[in-house]
């Protein structure tokens, strides 16, 4: 799968954050014009992400990319996946900007890939969807990373999907008052699915009976969830069932085995960056 690339103005912003007035050290040492190369190598099993952006960082600084493995590549330990050639000034200016982007994005992609593989080991058809809880200002990078890892966005924002929480029904007189509105909501937005989060198994059953397209179960343990899935299918055979809340790499397979259609999680956004080695050489 070919993934989108961040636009050049954002690449330039990343560079400007780290090199706002030039590189003082390289300038004072008088080495800026000397030719060299830089390579990036994995230190562990890594799902690569934002290699294209890292390469464009060097290109924007005047270097030439020689090697580049695309985002989504599964790279074993010791894999050299990106290299560039240019002056010491261009290489030093791009070094940490590129490394930071690669490590953070590949960390998310690697965690995502691990959960996708774990969940599909017990339910090959399951979809892994990530929430919009990425750190503010990083959404484009975070979404590219989860796509590289094999997941999809649960919601990109409030503008393109209908997902009803208790916080919404609070203003409608409660969940039952809202459920009466589902037929009219479908008429007003026929191109959209109606997703509703349930606060309890009993509420989930009422949501399914009311005709929602997707019922989302929050923070229910796998053993109880498995029983609920069967009950929901008995009421509404075509309903899609998603589970959210507390799903991690350690329990994703157990949740997937309950028979749900979708796992919704945020945990992949938070954790240790990938460990990537950068080496520079004078040529």
Protein backbone atom coordinates (compact mmCIF):
# COMPACT_ATOMS: atom_id res chain seq x y z
CA UNK A 1 0.00 0.00 0.00
CA UNK A 2 1.33 3.43 -0.97
CA UNK A 3 0.83 5.88 1.91
CA UNK A 4 0.33 9.62 1.67
CA UNK A 5 3.22 12.00 2.29
CA UNK A 6 3.26 15.05 4.51
CA UNK A 7 3.38 18.31 2.49
CA UNK A 8 6.62 20.23 2.04
CA UNK A 9 5.53 23.20 4.23
CA UNK A 10 5.35 20.79 7.18
CA UNK A 11 8.75 19.33 6.31
CA UNK A 12 10.15 22.86 6.24
CA UNK A 13 8.54 23.58 9.63
CA UNK A 14 10.23 20.55 11.19
CA UNK A 15 13.59 21.73 9.85
CA UNK A 16 13.04 25.31 11.01
CA UNK A 17 12.23 24.12 14.54
CA UNK A 18 15.69 22.54 14.85
CA UNK A 19 17.79 24.84 12.65
CA UNK A 20 16.19 28.29 12.98
CA UNK A 21 19.44 30.26 12.44
CA UNK A 22 21.82 27.72 10.91
CA UNK A 23 24.10 25.15 12.58
CA UNK A 24 26.51 27.01 14.85
CA UNK A 25 28.78 24.02 15.58
CA UNK A 26 29.26 22.95 11.97
CA UNK A 27 29.82 26.55 10.94
CA UNK A 28 32.47 27.27 13.59
CA UNK A 29 34.30 24.02 12.80
CA UNK A 30 34.47 25.00 9.13
CA UNK A 31 33.35 21.57 7.91
CA UNK A 32 30.05 22.54 6.25
CA UNK A 33 31.27 22.17 2.68
CA UNK A 34 32.92 18.76 3.07
CA UNK A 35 31.20 15.81 1.34
CA UNK A 36 29.79 12.87 3.25
CA UNK A 37 26.97 10.39 3.71
CA UNK A 38 24.50 9.34 6.39
CA UNK A 39 22.80 5.97 6.92
CA UNK A 40 19.90 4.87 9.13
CA UNK A 41 19.73 1.29 10.41
CA UNK A 42 17.23 -0.59 12.58
CA UNK A 43 18.32 -2.00 15.92
CA UNK A 44 15.28 -4.29 16.36
CA UNK A 45 12.27 -5.62 14.45
CA UNK A 46 10.69 -2.44 13.12
CA UNK A 47 7.74 -1.46 10.99
CA UNK A 48 9.15 1.56 9.19
CA UNK A 49 7.24 4.81 8.85
CA UNK A 50 7.94 8.30 7.54
CA UNK A 51 11.00 7.22 5.58
CA UNK A 52 9.69 9.35 2.70
CA UNK A 53 9.49 12.43 4.93
CA UNK A 54 12.96 11.75 6.36
CA UNK A 55 14.32 11.53 2.82
CA UNK A 56 12.65 14.80 1.86
CA UNK A 57 14.16 16.50 4.90
CA UNK A 58 17.59 15.83 3.43
CA UNK A 59 16.49 16.80 -0.07
CA UNK A 60 15.11 20.13 1.19
CA UNK A 61 18.52 20.75 2.74
CA UNK A 62 20.40 20.03 -0.51
CA UNK A 63 21.40 16.38 -0.01
CA UNK A 64 20.58 13.46 -2.32
CA UNK A 65 18.77 10.32 -1.16
CA UNK A 66 20.57 7.16 -2.25
CA UNK A 67 18.54 4.42 -0.49
CA UNK A 68 14.97 4.48 0.83
CA UNK A 69 12.66 1.67 1.96
CA UNK A 70 9.00 2.74 1.91
CA UNK A 71 6.76 3.20 4.94
CA UNK A 72 5.13 -0.06 5.98
CA UNK A 73 8.27 -2.12 5.33
CA UNK A 74 8.89 -4.80 7.97
CA UNK A 75 12.61 -4.52 8.69
CA UNK A 76 14.61 -6.94 10.79
CA UNK A 77 17.42 -5.88 13.15
CA UNK A 78 20.43 -4.42 11.35
CA UNK A 79 18.56 -3.35 8.23
CA UNK A 80 19.94 -0.22 6.54
CA UNK A 81 16.82 1.40 5.10
CA UNK A 82 17.72 5.04 4.36
CA UNK A 83 20.88 6.77 3.17
CA UNK A 84 21.70 10.20 1.81
CA UNK A 85 24.75 11.97 0.40
CA UNK A 86 25.64 15.62 0.59
CA UNK A 87 27.67 18.23 2.36
CA UNK A 88 28.36 18.01 6.08
CA UNK A 89 26.14 21.08 6.52
CA UNK A 90 23.13 19.41 4.88
CA UNK A 91 23.67 16.11 6.67
CA UNK A 92 24.05 17.63 10.12
CA UNK A 93 21.06 19.90 9.63
CA UNK A 94 18.84 16.94 8.71
CA UNK A 95 20.28 14.31 11.04
CA UNK A 96 18.23 14.73 14.21
CA UNK A 97 15.10 16.05 12.48
CA UNK A 98 14.95 12.92 10.33
CA UNK A 99 15.91 10.58 13.18
CA UNK A 100 13.25 11.95 15.52
CA UNK A 101 10.56 11.59 12.88
CA UNK A 102 11.66 8.06 12.00
CA UNK A 103 11.86 6.86 15.59
CA UNK A 104 8.54 8.29 16.77
CA UNK A 105 6.55 7.31 13.66
CA UNK A 106 8.13 3.86 13.40
CA UNK A 107 7.48 3.28 17.11
CA UNK A 108 3.76 3.82 16.54
CA UNK A 109 3.80 1.72 13.37
CA UNK A 110 5.65 -1.14 15.11
CA UNK A 111 3.24 -1.20 18.08
CA UNK A 112 0.30 -1.10 15.67
CA UNK A 113 1.68 -3.96 13.58
CA UNK A 114 2.15 -6.05 16.71
CA UNK A 115 -1.46 -5.61 17.80
CA UNK A 116 -2.78 -6.25 14.29
CA UNK A 117 -0.84 -9.51 14.05
CA UNK A 118 -1.88 -10.59 17.54
CA UNK A 119 -5.57 -9.87 16.99
CA UNK A 120 -5.66 -11.54 13.56
CA UNK A 121 -4.04 -14.67 14.94
CA UNK A 122 -7.42 -15.47 16.55
CA UNK A 123 -9.74 -13.52 14.21
CA UNK A 124 -8.27 -13.00 10.70
CA UNK A 125 -11.16 -10.76 9.61
CA UNK A 126 -10.98 -8.28 12.48
CA UNK A 127 -10.32 -4.59 11.86
CA UNK A 128 -8.04 -2.56 14.14
CA UNK A 129 -9.05 1.10 14.37
CA UNK A 130 -7.28 3.84 16.31
CA UNK A 131 -8.97 6.75 18.07
CA UNK A 132 -8.31 10.47 17.65
CA UNK A 133 -6.32 10.62 20.90
CA UNK A 134 -2.99 11.29 19.19
CA UNK A 135 -0.94 14.12 20.70
CA UNK A 136 -2.22 17.46 19.34
CA UNK A 137 -0.27 18.67 16.31
CA UNK A 138 0.94 15.18 15.32
CA UNK A 139 -2.19 13.72 13.68
CA UNK A 140 -0.86 13.52 10.12
CA UNK A 141 2.24 11.67 11.27
CA UNK A 142 0.32 9.46 13.71
CA UNK A 143 -2.31 8.44 11.16
CA UNK A 144 0.36 7.60 8.59
CA UNK A 145 2.06 5.47 11.24
CA UNK A 146 -1.03 3.44 12.14
CA UNK A 147 -1.77 2.90 8.44
CA UNK A 148 1.81 1.67 7.98
CA UNK A 149 1.17 -0.79 10.81
CA UNK A 150 -2.00 -2.17 9.24
CA UNK A 151 -4.70 -0.32 11.19
CA UNK A 152 -7.25 2.29 10.10
CA UNK A 153 -8.46 5.48 11.76
CA UNK A 154 -11.59 5.03 13.87
CA UNK A 155 -12.44 8.69 13.33
CA UNK A 156 -10.32 11.41 11.77
CA UNK A 157 -12.41 14.04 13.52
CA UNK A 158 -15.92 15.13 14.42
CA UNK A 159 -16.84 16.23 10.91
CA UNK A 160 -17.02 12.95 9.00
CA UNK A 161 -18.68 10.34 11.20
CA UNK A 162 -21.63 9.80 13.54
CA UNK A 163 -20.65 8.31 16.89
CA UNK A 164 -23.07 8.83 19.76
CA UNK A 165 -21.87 8.77 23.37
CA UNK A 166 -23.66 9.22 26.68
CA UNK A 167 -22.38 12.80 26.54
CA UNK A 168 -24.70 13.32 23.56
CA UNK A 169 -27.75 11.50 24.89
CA UNK A 170 -27.48 13.52 28.10
CA UNK A 171 -28.86 16.43 26.10
CA UNK A 172 -31.66 14.33 24.61
CA UNK A 173 -33.24 12.99 27.77
CA UNK A 174 -31.28 9.74 27.92
CA UNK A 175 -30.36 6.77 25.73
CA UNK A 176 -33.92 5.56 25.16
CA UNK A 177 -35.04 8.95 23.89
CA UNK A 178 -32.12 8.92 21.45
CA UNK A 179 -32.83 5.38 20.24
CA UNK A 180 -36.28 6.50 19.11
CA UNK A 181 -34.52 8.97 16.79
CA UNK A 182 -32.38 6.43 14.94
CA UNK A 183 -34.81 5.96 12.00
CA UNK A 184 -35.01 9.72 11.40
CA UNK A 185 -31.23 10.06 11.79
CA UNK A 186 -30.73 7.44 9.08
CA UNK A 187 -33.10 9.35 6.81
CA UNK A 188 -31.20 12.60 7.34
CA UNK A 189 -27.76 11.04 6.77
CA UNK A 190 -28.31 7.94 4.62
CA UNK A 191 -24.68 7.81 3.48
CA UNK A 192 -23.40 7.41 7.07
CA UNK A 193 -23.32 4.52 9.52
CA UNK A 194 -24.78 5.17 12.96
CA UNK A 195 -22.34 4.16 15.70
CA UNK A 196 -23.48 4.16 19.33
CA UNK A 197 -21.41 3.44 22.43
CA UNK A 198 -23.03 1.33 25.15
CA UNK A 199 -22.30 1.80 28.83
CA UNK A 200 -23.52 -1.69 29.77
CA UNK A 201 -24.44 -5.02 28.15
CA UNK A 202 -28.11 -4.24 28.68
CA UNK A 203 -27.75 -0.94 26.91
CA UNK A 204 -25.90 -2.63 24.04
CA UNK A 205 -28.85 -4.96 23.50
CA UNK A 206 -31.27 -2.03 23.36
CA UNK A 207 -29.01 -0.23 20.88
CA UNK A 208 -28.90 -3.30 18.62
CA UNK A 209 -32.67 -3.71 18.76
CA UNK A 210 -33.14 -0.04 17.81
CA UNK A 211 -31.31 -0.49 14.48
CA UNK A 212 -27.87 1.04 15.03
CA UNK A 213 -25.28 0.00 12.45
CA UNK A 214 -22.45 -0.39 14.96
CA UNK A 215 -22.56 -0.84 18.72
CA UNK A 216 -19.38 -0.03 20.61
CA UNK A 217 -18.74 -1.84 23.90
CA UNK A 218 -16.50 -0.04 26.37
CA UNK A 219 -14.33 -1.72 29.02
CA UNK A 220 -15.94 -5.17 29.09
CA UNK A 221 -13.73 -8.17 29.83
CA UNK A 222 -13.36 -10.77 27.02
CA UNK A 223 -15.32 -13.55 28.75
CA UNK A 224 -18.38 -11.34 29.27
CA UNK A 225 -17.93 -9.76 25.85
CA UNK A 226 -18.08 -13.14 24.11
CA UNK A 227 -21.49 -13.86 25.68
CA UNK A 228 -22.74 -10.41 24.71
CA UNK A 229 -21.58 -10.78 21.09
CA UNK A 230 -23.75 -13.86 20.64
CA UNK A 231 -26.75 -12.14 22.21
CA UNK A 232 -26.31 -9.12 19.95
CA UNK A 233 -26.09 -11.32 16.85
CA UNK A 234 -29.32 -13.03 17.87
CA UNK A 235 -31.09 -9.65 17.97
CA UNK A 236 -29.42 -8.03 14.94
CA UNK A 237 -27.46 -10.51 12.76
CA UNK A 238 -25.96 -7.78 10.55
CA UNK A 239 -24.84 -5.41 13.28
CA UNK A 240 -21.13 -4.65 13.59
CA UNK A 241 -19.64 -4.86 17.07
CA UNK A 242 -16.60 -2.92 18.25
CA UNK A 243 -14.78 -3.11 21.55
CA UNK A 244 -12.84 -0.26 23.16
CA UNK A 245 -11.13 0.52 26.43
CA UNK A 246 -8.05 -1.11 27.91
CA UNK A 247 -7.06 -3.13 24.83
CA UNK A 248 -3.30 -3.72 24.66
CA UNK A 249 -0.83 -5.97 22.82
CA UNK A 250 -1.16 -8.44 25.70
CA UNK A 251 -4.94 -8.91 25.46
CA UNK A 252 -5.75 -8.01 21.83
CA UNK A 253 -5.90 -11.67 20.75
CA UNK A 254 -8.35 -12.50 23.56
CA UNK A 255 -10.62 -9.63 22.57
CA UNK A 256 -10.47 -10.58 18.88
CA UNK A 257 -11.43 -14.17 19.73
CA UNK A 258 -14.77 -13.01 21.17
CA UNK A 259 -16.12 -12.58 17.63
CA UNK A 260 -16.22 -8.79 17.50
CA UNK A 261 -15.66 -7.01 14.20
CA UNK A 262 -13.55 -4.06 15.30
CA UNK A 263 -11.01 -3.28 18.01
CA UNK A 264 -10.80 0.41 18.87
CA UNK A 265 -7.74 1.60 20.79
CA UNK A 266 -5.40 4.47 21.58
CA UNK A 267 -2.48 2.64 23.18
CA UNK A 268 -0.36 2.49 20.02
CA UNK A 269 0.16 6.26 20.12
CA UNK A 270 1.97 6.11 23.44
CA UNK A 271 5.15 4.20 24.15
CA UNK A 272 8.85 3.93 23.44
CA UNK A 273 10.10 5.22 20.07
CA UNK A 274 11.77 2.78 17.71
CA UNK A 275 15.53 2.43 18.22
CA UNK A 276 17.29 3.49 15.02
CA UNK A 277 21.01 4.02 14.52
CA UNK A 278 22.30 6.94 12.46
CA UNK A 279 25.88 6.91 11.17
CA UNK A 280 27.72 9.65 9.27
CA UNK A 281 30.89 9.31 7.19
CA UNK A 282 33.21 11.73 5.42
CA UNK A 283 33.72 10.77 1.77
